[in-house]
Amino acid sequence: MGTATVPPHVRMINEIAVQFAHHPIQEAAAAIAAHLRAFWEPRMTAALLAHVDAGGAGLSPAAARAAELLRARQ
């Protein structure tokens, strides 16, 4: 997936994930999910979860795990 085709929500969650790259993946994913719950509007979260349902192309492992945590807490 080239940068021109990366949906904004994928680019944004991956950028957030970079900030937590020095943490173990579970800790990073929990922090990313907490950030999304606090700052993302529901449409952004819905778009992310729809992207995951469509295969999740382009998501970093921590971002994908964070999306799973978001879904589990809906």
Protein backbone atom coordinates (compact mmCIF):
# COMPACT_ATOMS: atom_id res chain seq x y z
CA MET A 1 0.00 0.00 0.00
CA GLY A 2 1.68 3.22 -1.16
CA THR A 3 1.49 6.41 0.85
CA ALA A 4 -0.94 7.93 -1.66
CA THR A 5 -3.40 5.09 -1.07
CA VAL A 6 -3.13 4.86 2.72
CA PRO A 7 -6.41 5.92 4.31
CA PRO A 8 -6.03 8.80 6.80
CA HIS A 9 -7.07 6.68 9.81
CA VAL A 10 -4.40 4.08 8.97
CA ARG A 11 -1.71 6.73 8.56
CA MET A 12 -2.73 8.37 11.84
CA ILE A 13 -2.86 5.20 13.96
CA ASN A 14 0.50 4.07 12.56
CA GLU A 15 1.99 7.47 13.46
CA ILE A 16 0.61 7.11 16.99
CA ALA A 17 2.05 3.58 17.16
CA VAL A 18 5.53 4.91 16.35
CA GLN A 19 5.39 6.95 19.57
CA PHE A 20 4.98 3.73 21.57
CA ALA A 21 7.41 1.55 19.61
CA HIS A 22 9.81 1.35 22.57
CA HIS A 23 7.14 -0.43 24.67
CA PRO A 24 6.19 -4.11 24.51
CA ILE A 25 3.42 -4.60 21.95
CA GLN A 26 0.63 -5.26 24.47
CA GLU A 27 1.52 -2.15 26.46
CA ALA A 28 1.84 -0.10 23.27
CA ALA A 29 -1.51 -1.36 21.97
CA ALA A 30 -3.25 -0.49 25.24
CA ALA A 31 -1.78 3.03 25.16
CA ILE A 32 -2.76 3.50 21.51
CA ALA A 33 -6.31 2.29 22.19
CA ALA A 34 -6.58 4.67 25.16
CA HIS A 35 -5.42 7.54 22.96
CA LEU A 36 -8.00 6.69 20.30
CA ARG A 37 -10.80 6.47 22.87
CA ALA A 38 -9.82 9.88 24.24
CA PHE A 39 -9.20 11.79 21.03
CA TRP A 40 -10.77 10.12 17.99
CA GLU A 41 -14.35 10.82 17.07
CA PRO A 42 -16.63 7.81 16.54
CA ARG A 43 -16.53 8.10 12.73
CA MET A 44 -12.74 7.73 12.76
CA THR A 45 -12.91 4.68 15.01
CA ALA A 46 -15.66 3.17 12.85
CA ALA A 47 -13.54 3.71 9.72
CA LEU A 48 -10.57 2.03 11.40
CA LEU A 49 -12.63 -0.98 12.46
CA ALA A 50 -14.14 -1.26 8.97
CA HIS A 51 -10.60 -1.21 7.59
CA VAL A 52 -9.64 -4.03 9.97
CA ASP A 53 -12.72 -5.99 8.86
CA ALA A 54 -11.57 -5.55 5.25
CA GLY A 55 -8.19 -7.11 6.05
CA GLY A 56 -6.34 -4.33 7.86
CA ALA A 57 -3.79 -3.67 5.10
CA GLY A 58 -1.01 -1.33 6.14
CA LEU A 59 -1.57 -1.42 9.89
CA SER A 60 1.47 -1.91 12.09
CA PRO A 61 1.21 -4.86 14.52
CA ALA A 62 0.69 -2.54 17.51
CA ALA A 63 -1.97 -0.56 15.62
CA ALA A 64 -3.79 -3.75 14.63
CA ARG A 65 -3.74 -4.97 18.24
CA ALA A 66 -5.02 -1.58 19.43
CA ALA A 67 -7.93 -1.89 16.99
CA GLU A 68 -8.73 -5.31 18.48
CA LEU A 69 -8.75 -3.77 21.95
CA LEU A 70 -11.07 -0.99 20.76
CA ARG A 71 -13.48 -3.50 19.29
CA ALA A 72 -13.45 -5.61 22.45
CA ARG A 73 -14.48 -2.60 24.52
CA GLN A 74 -17.38 -1.41 22.37
